[in-house]
């Protein structure tokens, strides 16, 4: 299973929804980077993704995007293969 990294905040409902979907798909370990606790992490996220909103999700080296992007990937049938190591 690929490494999953999620930039998030404590009170973001989209972050919670994204985590729930990943857990439903068998992800047991999500590296959460809390940007609400460290302004430097917010800057790093924006530099890395070009986006300001959370969550921002990486599966392996692939930037999936936010919660809506993750849900769309799942509905299109690509989430499981990406989690298993295929490229998006």
PDB file of N, CA and C in Angstrom:
ATOM      1  N   UNK A   1       0.849  -1.180   0.000  1.00  0.00           N
ATOM      2  CA  UNK A   1       0.000   0.000   0.000  1.00  0.00           C
ATOM      3  C   UNK A   1       0.888   1.234   0.000  1.00  0.00           C
ATOM      4  N   UNK A   2       0.491   2.218  -0.800  1.00  0.00           N
ATOM      5  CA  UNK A   2       1.231   3.472  -0.912  1.00  0.00           C
ATOM      6  C   UNK A   2       1.114   4.291   0.384  1.00  0.00           C
ATOM      7  N   UNK A   3       2.095   5.139   0.606  1.00  0.00           N
ATOM      8  CA  UNK A   3       2.060   6.081   1.711  1.00  0.00           C
ATOM      9  C   UNK A   3       1.026   7.160   1.408  1.00  0.00           C
ATOM     10  N   UNK A   4       0.227   7.519   2.413  1.00  0.00           N
ATOM     11  CA  UNK A   4      -0.779   8.566   2.253  1.00  0.00           C
ATOM     12  C   UNK A   4      -0.413   9.721   3.177  1.00  0.00           C
ATOM     13  N   UNK A   5      -0.309  10.912   2.593  1.00  0.00           N
ATOM     14  CA  UNK A   5      -0.025  12.134   3.348  1.00  0.00           C
ATOM     15  C   UNK A   5      -1.204  13.073   3.134  1.00  0.00           C
ATOM     16  N   UNK A   6      -1.699  13.640   4.238  1.00  0.00           N
ATOM     17  CA  UNK A   6      -2.828  14.555   4.131  1.00  0.00           C
ATOM     18  C   UNK A   6      -2.545  15.812   4.949  1.00  0.00           C
ATOM     19  N   UNK A   7      -2.505  16.942   4.248  1.00  0.00           N
ATOM     20  CA  UNK A   7      -2.445  18.234   4.922  1.00  0.00           C
ATOM     21  C   UNK A   7      -3.858  18.522   5.410  1.00  0.00           C
ATOM     22  N   UNK A   8      -3.998  18.891   6.695  1.00  0.00           N
ATOM     23  CA  UNK A   8      -5.329  19.051   7.261  1.00  0.00           C
ATOM     24  C   UNK A   8      -5.333  20.049   8.418  1.00  0.00           C
ATOM     25  N   UNK A   9      -6.536  20.311   8.928  1.00  0.00           N
ATOM     26  CA  UNK A   9      -6.716  21.083  10.154  1.00  0.00           C
ATOM     27  C   UNK A   9      -7.610  20.268  11.083  1.00  0.00           C
ATOM     28  N   UNK A  10      -7.718  20.715  12.329  1.00  0.00           N
ATOM     29  CA  UNK A  10      -8.481  19.962  13.329  1.00  0.00           C
ATOM     30  C   UNK A  10      -9.984  19.988  13.084  1.00  0.00           C
ATOM     31  N   UNK A  11     -10.504  21.067  12.534  1.00  0.00           N
ATOM     32  CA  UNK A  11     -11.956  21.232  12.460  1.00  0.00           C
ATOM     33  C   UNK A  11     -12.503  21.222  11.030  1.00  0.00           C
ATOM     34  N   UNK A  12     -11.807  20.624  10.122  1.00  0.00           N
ATOM     35  CA  UNK A  12     -12.209  20.617   8.716  1.00  0.00           C
ATOM     36  C   UNK A  12     -13.090  19.397   8.416  1.00  0.00           C
ATOM     37  N   UNK A  13     -14.370  19.607   8.074  1.00  0.00           N
ATOM     38  CA  UNK A  13     -15.233  18.464   7.775  1.00  0.00           C
ATOM     39  C   UNK A  13     -14.813  17.711   6.510  1.00  0.00           C
ATOM     40  N   UNK A  14     -14.198  18.403   5.572  1.00  0.00           N
ATOM     41  CA  UNK A  14     -13.725  17.725   4.357  1.00  0.00           C
ATOM     42  C   UNK A  14     -12.531  16.821   4.669  1.00  0.00           C
ATOM     43  N   UNK A  15     -11.720  17.222   5.617  1.00  0.00           N
ATOM     44  CA  UNK A  15     -10.598  16.387   6.056  1.00  0.00           C
ATOM     45  C   UNK A  15     -11.122  15.103   6.688  1.00  0.00           C
ATOM     46  N   UNK A  16     -12.148  15.234   7.524  1.00  0.00           N
ATOM     47  CA  UNK A  16     -12.756  14.076   8.176  1.00  0.00           C
ATOM     48  C   UNK A  16     -13.360  13.143   7.133  1.00  0.00           C
ATOM     49  N   UNK A  17     -14.060  13.715   6.160  1.00  0.00           N
ATOM     50  CA  UNK A  17     -14.683  12.899   5.106  1.00  0.00           C
ATOM     51  C   UNK A  17     -13.633  12.159   4.275  1.00  0.00           C
ATOM     52  N   UNK A  18     -12.558  12.861   3.925  1.00  0.00           N
ATOM     53  CA  UNK A  18     -11.492  12.236   3.141  1.00  0.00           C
ATOM     54  C   UNK A  18     -10.848  11.096   3.932  1.00  0.00           C
ATOM     55  N   UNK A  19     -10.591  11.330   5.205  1.00  0.00           N
ATOM     56  CA  UNK A  19      -9.996  10.271   6.030  1.00  0.00           C
ATOM     57  C   UNK A  19     -10.929   9.072   6.123  1.00  0.00           C
ATOM     58  N   UNK A  20     -12.220   9.313   6.294  1.00  0.00           N
ATOM     59  CA  UNK A  20     -13.174   8.204   6.368  1.00  0.00           C
ATOM     60  C   UNK A  20     -13.162   7.369   5.091  1.00  0.00           C
ATOM     61  N   UNK A  21     -13.126   8.026   3.936  1.00  0.00           N
ATOM     62  CA  UNK A  21     -13.100   7.301   2.666  1.00  0.00           C
ATOM     63  C   UNK A  21     -11.817   6.482   2.546  1.00  0.00           C
ATOM     64  N   UNK A  22     -10.684   7.087   2.892  1.00  0.00           N
ATOM     65  CA  UNK A  22      -9.419   6.350   2.817  1.00  0.00           C
ATOM     66  C   UNK A  22      -9.444   5.137   3.738  1.00  0.00           C
ATOM     67  N   UNK A  23      -9.962   5.293   4.935  1.00  0.00           N
ATOM     68  CA  UNK A  23     -10.053   4.167   5.881  1.00  0.00           C
ATOM     69  C   UNK A  23     -10.976   3.082   5.334  1.00  0.00           C
ATOM     70  N   UNK A  24     -12.089   3.478   4.696  1.00  0.00           N
ATOM     71  CA  UNK A  24     -13.003   2.501   4.091  1.00  0.00           C
ATOM     72  C   UNK A  24     -12.322   1.709   2.975  1.00  0.00           C
ATOM     73  N   UNK A  25     -11.330   2.327   2.351  1.00  0.00           N
ATOM     74  CA  UNK A  25     -10.611   1.660   1.259  1.00  0.00           C
ATOM     75  C   UNK A  25      -9.376   0.915   1.750  1.00  0.00           C
ATOM     76  N   UNK A  26      -9.236   0.783   3.060  1.00  0.00           N
ATOM     77  CA  UNK A  26      -8.189  -0.056   3.619  1.00  0.00           C
ATOM     78  C   UNK A  26      -6.934   0.652   4.081  1.00  0.00           C
ATOM     79  N   UNK A  27      -6.906   1.962   4.017  1.00  0.00           N
ATOM     80  CA  UNK A  27      -5.725   2.699   4.472  1.00  0.00           C
ATOM     81  C   UNK A  27      -5.723   2.707   5.999  1.00  0.00           C
ATOM     82  N   UNK A  28      -4.646   2.205   6.586  1.00  0.00           N
ATOM     83  CA  UNK A  28      -4.561   2.148   8.046  1.00  0.00           C
ATOM     84  C   UNK A  28      -3.653   3.227   8.617  1.00  0.00           C
ATOM     85  N   UNK A  29      -2.777   3.791   7.786  1.00  0.00           N
ATOM     86  CA  UNK A  29      -1.838   4.790   8.270  1.00  0.00           C
ATOM     87  C   UNK A  29      -1.861   6.007   7.356  1.00  0.00           C
ATOM     88  N   UNK A  30      -2.275   7.139   7.920  1.00  0.00           N
ATOM     89  CA  UNK A  30      -2.303   8.401   7.186  1.00  0.00           C
ATOM     90  C   UNK A  30      -1.392   9.369   7.920  1.00  0.00           C
ATOM     91  N   UNK A  31      -0.395   9.877   7.217  1.00  0.00           N
ATOM     92  CA  UNK A  31       0.474  10.888   7.812  1.00  0.00           C
ATOM     93  C   UNK A  31      -0.243  12.223   7.696  1.00  0.00           C
ATOM     94  N   UNK A  32      -0.715  12.723   8.830  1.00  0.00           N
ATOM     95  CA  UNK A  32      -1.444  13.993   8.840  1.00  0.00           C
ATOM     96  C   UNK A  32      -0.483  15.118   9.182  1.00  0.00           C
ATOM     97  N   UNK A  33      -0.504  16.146   8.344  1.00  0.00           N
ATOM     98  CA  UNK A  33       0.297  17.341   8.584  1.00  0.00           C
ATOM     99  C   UNK A  33      -0.680  18.454   8.915  1.00  0.00           C
ATOM    100  N   UNK A  34      -0.690  18.853  10.171  1.00  0.00           N
ATOM    101  CA  UNK A  34      -1.642  19.850  10.671  1.00  0.00           C
ATOM    102  C   UNK A  34      -1.141  21.257  10.366  1.00  0.00           C
ATOM    103  N   UNK A  35      -1.738  21.896   9.388  1.00  0.00           N
ATOM    104  CA  UNK A  35      -1.300  23.241   9.021  1.00  0.00           C
ATOM    105  C   UNK A  35      -1.852  24.316   9.942  1.00  0.00           C
ATOM    106  N   UNK A  36      -2.833  23.964  10.775  1.00  0.00           N
ATOM    107  CA  UNK A  36      -3.363  24.935  11.728  1.00  0.00           C
ATOM    108  C   UNK A  36      -2.459  25.084  12.953  1.00  0.00           C
ATOM    109  N   UNK A  37      -1.542  24.175  13.133  1.00  0.00           N
ATOM    110  CA  UNK A  37      -0.621  24.221  14.270  1.00  0.00           C
ATOM    111  C   UNK A  37       0.718  24.848  13.918  1.00  0.00           C
ATOM    112  N   UNK A  38       1.011  24.917  12.617  1.00  0.00           N
ATOM    113  CA  UNK A  38       2.325  25.396  12.186  1.00  0.00           C
ATOM    114  C   UNK A  38       2.183  26.157  10.867  1.00  0.00           C
ATOM    115  N   UNK A  39       2.346  27.477  10.943  1.00  0.00           N
ATOM    116  CA  UNK A  39       2.213  28.310   9.739  1.00  0.00           C
ATOM    117  C   UNK A  39       3.215  27.911   8.667  1.00  0.00           C
ATOM    118  N   UNK A  40       4.356  27.419   9.071  1.00  0.00           N
ATOM    119  CA  UNK A  40       5.357  26.966   8.109  1.00  0.00           C
ATOM    120  C   UNK A  40       4.859  25.790   7.288  1.00  0.00           C
ATOM    121  N   UNK A  41       4.079  24.924   7.902  1.00  0.00           N
ATOM    122  CA  UNK A  41       3.514  23.779   7.164  1.00  0.00           C
ATOM    123  C   UNK A  41       2.480  24.256   6.150  1.00  0.00           C
ATOM    124  N   UNK A  42       1.712  25.300   6.491  1.00  0.00           N
ATOM    125  CA  UNK A  42       0.757  25.862   5.526  1.00  0.00           C
ATOM    126  C   UNK A  42       1.506  26.399   4.310  1.00  0.00           C
ATOM    127  N   UNK A  43       2.597  27.123   4.555  1.00  0.00           N
ATOM    128  CA  UNK A  43       3.415  27.655   3.456  1.00  0.00           C
ATOM    129  C   UNK A  43       3.991  26.521   2.618  1.00  0.00           C
ATOM    130  N   UNK A  44       4.469  25.473   3.284  1.00  0.00           N
ATOM    131  CA  UNK A  44       5.033  24.322   2.568  1.00  0.00           C
ATOM    132  C   UNK A  44       3.969  23.644   1.712  1.00  0.00           C
ATOM    133  N   UNK A  45       2.753  23.505   2.256  1.00  0.00           N
ATOM    134  CA  UNK A  45       1.658  22.892   1.505  1.00  0.00           C
ATOM    135  C   UNK A  45       1.336  23.720   0.263  1.00  0.00           C
ATOM    136  N   UNK A  46       1.240  25.039   0.434  1.00  0.00           N
ATOM    137  CA  UNK A  46       0.908  25.904  -0.704  1.00  0.00           C
ATOM    138  C   UNK A  46       2.003  25.863  -1.762  1.00  0.00           C
ATOM    139  N   UNK A  47       3.253  25.802  -1.343  1.00  0.00           N
ATOM    140  CA  UNK A  47       4.357  25.718  -2.300  1.00  0.00           C
ATOM    141  C   UNK A  47       4.338  24.385  -3.034  1.00  0.00           C
ATOM    142  N   UNK A  48       4.017  23.321  -2.317  1.00  0.00           N
ATOM    143  CA  UNK A  48       4.038  21.976  -2.897  1.00  0.00           C
ATOM    144  C   UNK A  48       2.846  21.714  -3.812  1.00  0.00           C
ATOM    145  N   UNK A  49       1.665  22.224  -3.423  1.00  0.00           N
ATOM    146  CA  UNK A  49       0.446  21.884  -4.156  1.00  0.00           C
ATOM    147  C   UNK A  49      -0.086  23.007  -5.035  1.00  0.00           C
ATOM    148  N   UNK A  50       0.283  24.254  -4.721  1.00  0.00           N
ATOM    149  CA  UNK A  50      -0.283  25.385  -5.421  1.00  0.00           C
ATOM    150  C   UNK A  50      -1.704  25.705  -4.978  1.00  0.00           C
ATOM    151  N   UNK A  51      -2.134  25.100  -3.886  1.00  0.00           N
ATOM    152  CA  UNK A  51      -3.488  25.298  -3.375  1.00  0.00           C
ATOM    153  C   UNK A  51      -3.441  25.791  -1.930  1.00  0.00           C
ATOM    154  N   UNK A  52      -4.535  26.440  -1.510  1.00  0.00           N
ATOM    155  CA  UNK A  52      -4.609  27.012  -0.164  1.00  0.00           C
ATOM    156  C   UNK A  52      -5.539  26.252   0.763  1.00  0.00           C
ATOM    157  N   UNK A  53      -6.407  25.404   0.214  1.00  0.00           N
ATOM    158  CA  UNK A  53      -7.437  24.747   1.013  1.00  0.00           C
ATOM    159  C   UNK A  53      -7.002  23.353   1.462  1.00  0.00           C
ATOM    160  N   UNK A  54      -7.633  22.890   2.529  1.00  0.00           N
ATOM    161  CA  UNK A  54      -7.408  21.534   3.021  1.00  0.00           C
ATOM    162  C   UNK A  54      -8.690  20.728   2.854  1.00  0.00           C
ATOM    163  N   UNK A  55      -8.558  19.433   2.729  1.00  0.00           N
ATOM    164  CA  UNK A  55      -7.302  18.693   2.753  1.00  0.00           C
ATOM    165  C   UNK A  55      -6.595  18.750   1.408  1.00  0.00           C
ATOM    166  N   UNK A  56      -5.314  18.502   1.446  1.00  0.00           N
ATOM    167  CA  UNK A  56      -4.524  18.236   0.246  1.00  0.00           C
ATOM    168  C   UNK A  56      -3.903  16.865   0.476  1.00  0.00           C
ATOM    169  N   UNK A  57      -4.156  15.951  -0.442  1.00  0.00           N
ATOM    170  CA  UNK A  57      -3.835  14.544  -0.239  1.00  0.00           C
ATOM    171  C   UNK A  57      -2.827  14.078  -1.277  1.00  0.00           C
ATOM    172  N   UNK A  58      -1.820  13.392  -0.783  1.00  0.00           N
ATOM    173  CA  UNK A  58      -0.840  12.716  -1.630  1.00  0.00           C
ATOM    174  C   UNK A  58      -0.945  11.223  -1.368  1.00  0.00           C
ATOM    175  N   UNK A  59      -0.965  10.464  -2.437  1.00  0.00           N
ATOM    176  CA  UNK A  59      -0.870   9.012  -2.348  1.00  0.00           C
ATOM    177  C   UNK A  59       0.405   8.653  -3.089  1.00  0.00           C
ATOM    178  N   UNK A  60       1.387   8.172  -2.329  1.00  0.00           N
ATOM    179  CA  UNK A  60       2.719   8.008  -2.899  1.00  0.00           C
ATOM    180  C   UNK A  60       3.218   9.373  -3.328  1.00  0.00           C
ATOM    181  N   UNK A  61       3.685   9.499  -4.555  1.00  0.00           N
ATOM    182  CA  UNK A  61       4.165  10.776  -5.090  1.00  0.00           C
ATOM    183  C   UNK A  61       3.080  11.537  -5.851  1.00  0.00           C
ATOM    184  N   UNK A  62       1.881  10.977  -5.920  1.00  0.00           N
ATOM    185  CA  UNK A  62       0.804  11.564  -6.707  1.00  0.00           C
ATOM    186  C   UNK A  62      -0.044  12.502  -5.864  1.00  0.00           C
ATOM    187  N   UNK A  63      -0.161  13.753  -6.303  1.00  0.00           N
ATOM    188  CA  UNK A  63      -1.041  14.706  -5.634  1.00  0.00           C
ATOM    189  C   UNK A  63      -2.456  14.448  -6.123  1.00  0.00           C
ATOM    190  N   UNK A  64      -3.294  13.941  -5.246  1.00  0.00           N
ATOM    191  CA  UNK A  64      -4.682  13.650  -5.594  1.00  0.00           C
ATOM    192  C   UNK A  64      -5.503  14.928  -5.600  1.00  0.00           C
ATOM    193  N   UNK A  65      -5.226  15.818  -4.653  1.00  0.00           N
ATOM    194  CA  UNK A  65      -5.982  17.062  -4.521  1.00  0.00           C
ATOM    195  C   UNK A  65      -6.741  17.060  -3.221  1.00  0.00           C
ATOM    196  N   UNK A  66      -7.953  17.630  -3.238  1.00  0.00           N
ATOM    197  CA  UNK A  66      -8.770  17.730  -2.042  1.00  0.00           C
ATOM    198  C   UNK A  66      -9.771  16.599  -1.927  1.00  0.00           C
ATOM    199  N   UNK A  67     -10.721  16.777  -1.030  1.00  0.00           N
ATOM    200  CA  UNK A  67     -11.724  15.747  -0.769  1.00  0.00           C
ATOM    201  C   UNK A  67     -12.556  15.448  -2.012  1.00  0.00           C
ATOM    202  N   UNK A  68     -13.022  16.482  -2.692  1.00  0.00           N
ATOM    203  CA  UNK A  68     -13.827  16.264  -3.904  1.00  0.00           C
ATOM    204  C   UNK A  68     -13.041  15.496  -4.957  1.00  0.00           C
ATOM    205  N   UNK A  69     -11.755  15.799  -5.075  1.00  0.00           N
ATOM    206  CA  UNK A  69     -10.901  15.090  -6.037  1.00  0.00           C
ATOM    207  C   UNK A  69     -10.753  13.621  -5.647  1.00  0.00           C
ATOM    208  N   UNK A  70     -10.606  13.370  -4.346  1.00  0.00           N
ATOM    209  CA  UNK A  70     -10.473  11.995  -3.848  1.00  0.00           C
ATOM    210  C   UNK A  70     -11.746  11.201  -4.117  1.00  0.00           C
ATOM    211  N   UNK A  71     -12.889  11.804  -3.849  1.00  0.00           N
ATOM    212  CA  UNK A  71     -14.171  11.139  -4.088  1.00  0.00           C
ATOM    213  C   UNK A  71     -14.350  10.855  -5.583  1.00  0.00           C
ATOM    214  N   UNK A  72     -14.012  11.812  -6.425  1.00  0.00           N
ATOM    215  CA  UNK A  72     -14.133  11.621  -7.874  1.00  0.00           C
ATOM    216  C   UNK A  72     -13.220  10.495  -8.353  1.00  0.00           C
ATOM    217  N   UNK A  73     -12.003  10.449  -7.817  1.00  0.00           N
ATOM    218  CA  UNK A  73     -11.072   9.377  -8.184  1.00  0.00           C
ATOM    219  C   UNK A  73     -11.636   8.023  -7.785  1.00  0.00           C
ATOM    220  N   UNK A  74     -12.220   7.957  -6.591  1.00  0.00           N
ATOM    221  CA  UNK A  74     -12.819   6.709  -6.122  1.00  0.00           C
ATOM    222  C   UNK A  74     -13.986   6.300  -7.007  1.00  0.00           C
ATOM    223  N   UNK A  75     -14.855   7.250  -7.327  1.00  0.00           N
ATOM    224  CA  UNK A  75     -16.021   6.941  -8.171  1.00  0.00           C
ATOM    225  C   UNK A  75     -15.616   6.497  -9.568  1.00  0.00           C
ATOM    226  N   UNK A  76     -14.497   7.024 -10.053  1.00  0.00           N
ATOM    227  CA  UNK A  76     -14.003   6.640 -11.381  1.00  0.00           C
ATOM    228  C   UNK A  76     -13.274   5.299 -11.353  1.00  0.00           C
ATOM    229  N   UNK A  77     -13.092   4.743 -10.154  1.00  0.00           N
ATOM    230  CA  UNK A  77     -12.453   3.439 -10.027  1.00  0.00           C
ATOM    231  C   UNK A  77     -10.944   3.488  -9.933  1.00  0.00           C
ATOM    232  N   UNK A  78     -10.360   4.674  -9.739  1.00  0.00           N
ATOM    233  CA  UNK A  78      -8.907   4.774  -9.729  1.00  0.00           C
ATOM    234  C   UNK A  78      -8.244   4.796  -8.369  1.00  0.00           C
ATOM    235  N   UNK A  79      -9.025   4.946  -7.302  1.00  0.00           N
ATOM    236  CA  UNK A  79      -8.418   5.079  -5.979  1.00  0.00           C
ATOM    237  C   UNK A  79      -7.721   3.808  -5.531  1.00  0.00           C
ATOM    238  N   UNK A  80      -8.377   2.681  -5.654  1.00  0.00           N
ATOM    239  CA  UNK A  80      -7.778   1.429  -5.182  1.00  0.00           C
ATOM    240  C   UNK A  80      -6.474   1.113  -5.909  1.00  0.00           C
ATOM    241  N   UNK A  81      -6.450   1.298  -7.213  1.00  0.00           N
ATOM    242  CA  UNK A  81      -5.220   1.000  -7.966  1.00  0.00           C
ATOM    243  C   UNK A  81      -4.104   1.976  -7.582  1.00  0.00           C
ATOM    244  N   UNK A  82      -4.452   3.235  -7.341  1.00  0.00           N
ATOM    245  CA  UNK A  82      -3.443   4.202  -6.917  1.00  0.00           C
ATOM    246  C   UNK A  82      -2.897   3.817  -5.545  1.00  0.00           C
ATOM    247  N   UNK A  83      -3.777   3.414  -4.649  1.00  0.00           N
ATOM    248  CA  UNK A  83      -3.328   2.976  -3.324  1.00  0.00           C
ATOM    249  C   UNK A  83      -2.411   1.755  -3.410  1.00  0.00           C
ATOM    250  N   UNK A  84      -2.635   0.926  -4.419  1.00  0.00           N
ATOM    251  CA  UNK A  84      -1.823  -0.283  -4.591  1.00  0.00           C
ATOM    252  C   UNK A  84      -0.528  -0.027  -5.355  1.00  0.00           C
ATOM    253  N   UNK A  85      -0.343   1.215  -5.843  1.00  0.00           N
ATOM    254  CA  UNK A  85       0.933   1.541  -6.463  1.00  0.00           C
ATOM    255  C   UNK A  85       0.886   1.910  -7.920  1.00  0.00           C
ATOM    256  N   UNK A  86      -0.289   1.862  -8.549  1.00  0.00           N
ATOM    257  CA  UNK A  86      -0.398   2.283  -9.945  1.00  0.00           C
ATOM    258  C   UNK A  86      -0.352   3.808 -10.001  1.00  0.00           C
ATOM    259  N   UNK A  87       0.001   4.357 -11.144  1.00  0.00           N
ATOM    260  CA  UNK A  87       0.027   5.820 -11.301  1.00  0.00           C
ATOM    261  C   UNK A  87      -1.350   6.303 -11.734  1.00  0.00           C
ATOM    262  N   UNK A  88      -1.668   7.539 -11.360  1.00  0.00           N
ATOM    263  CA  UNK A  88      -2.980   8.109 -11.694  1.00  0.00           C
ATOM    264  C   UNK A  88      -3.053   8.508 -13.146  1.00  0.00           C
TER     265      UNK A  88
END
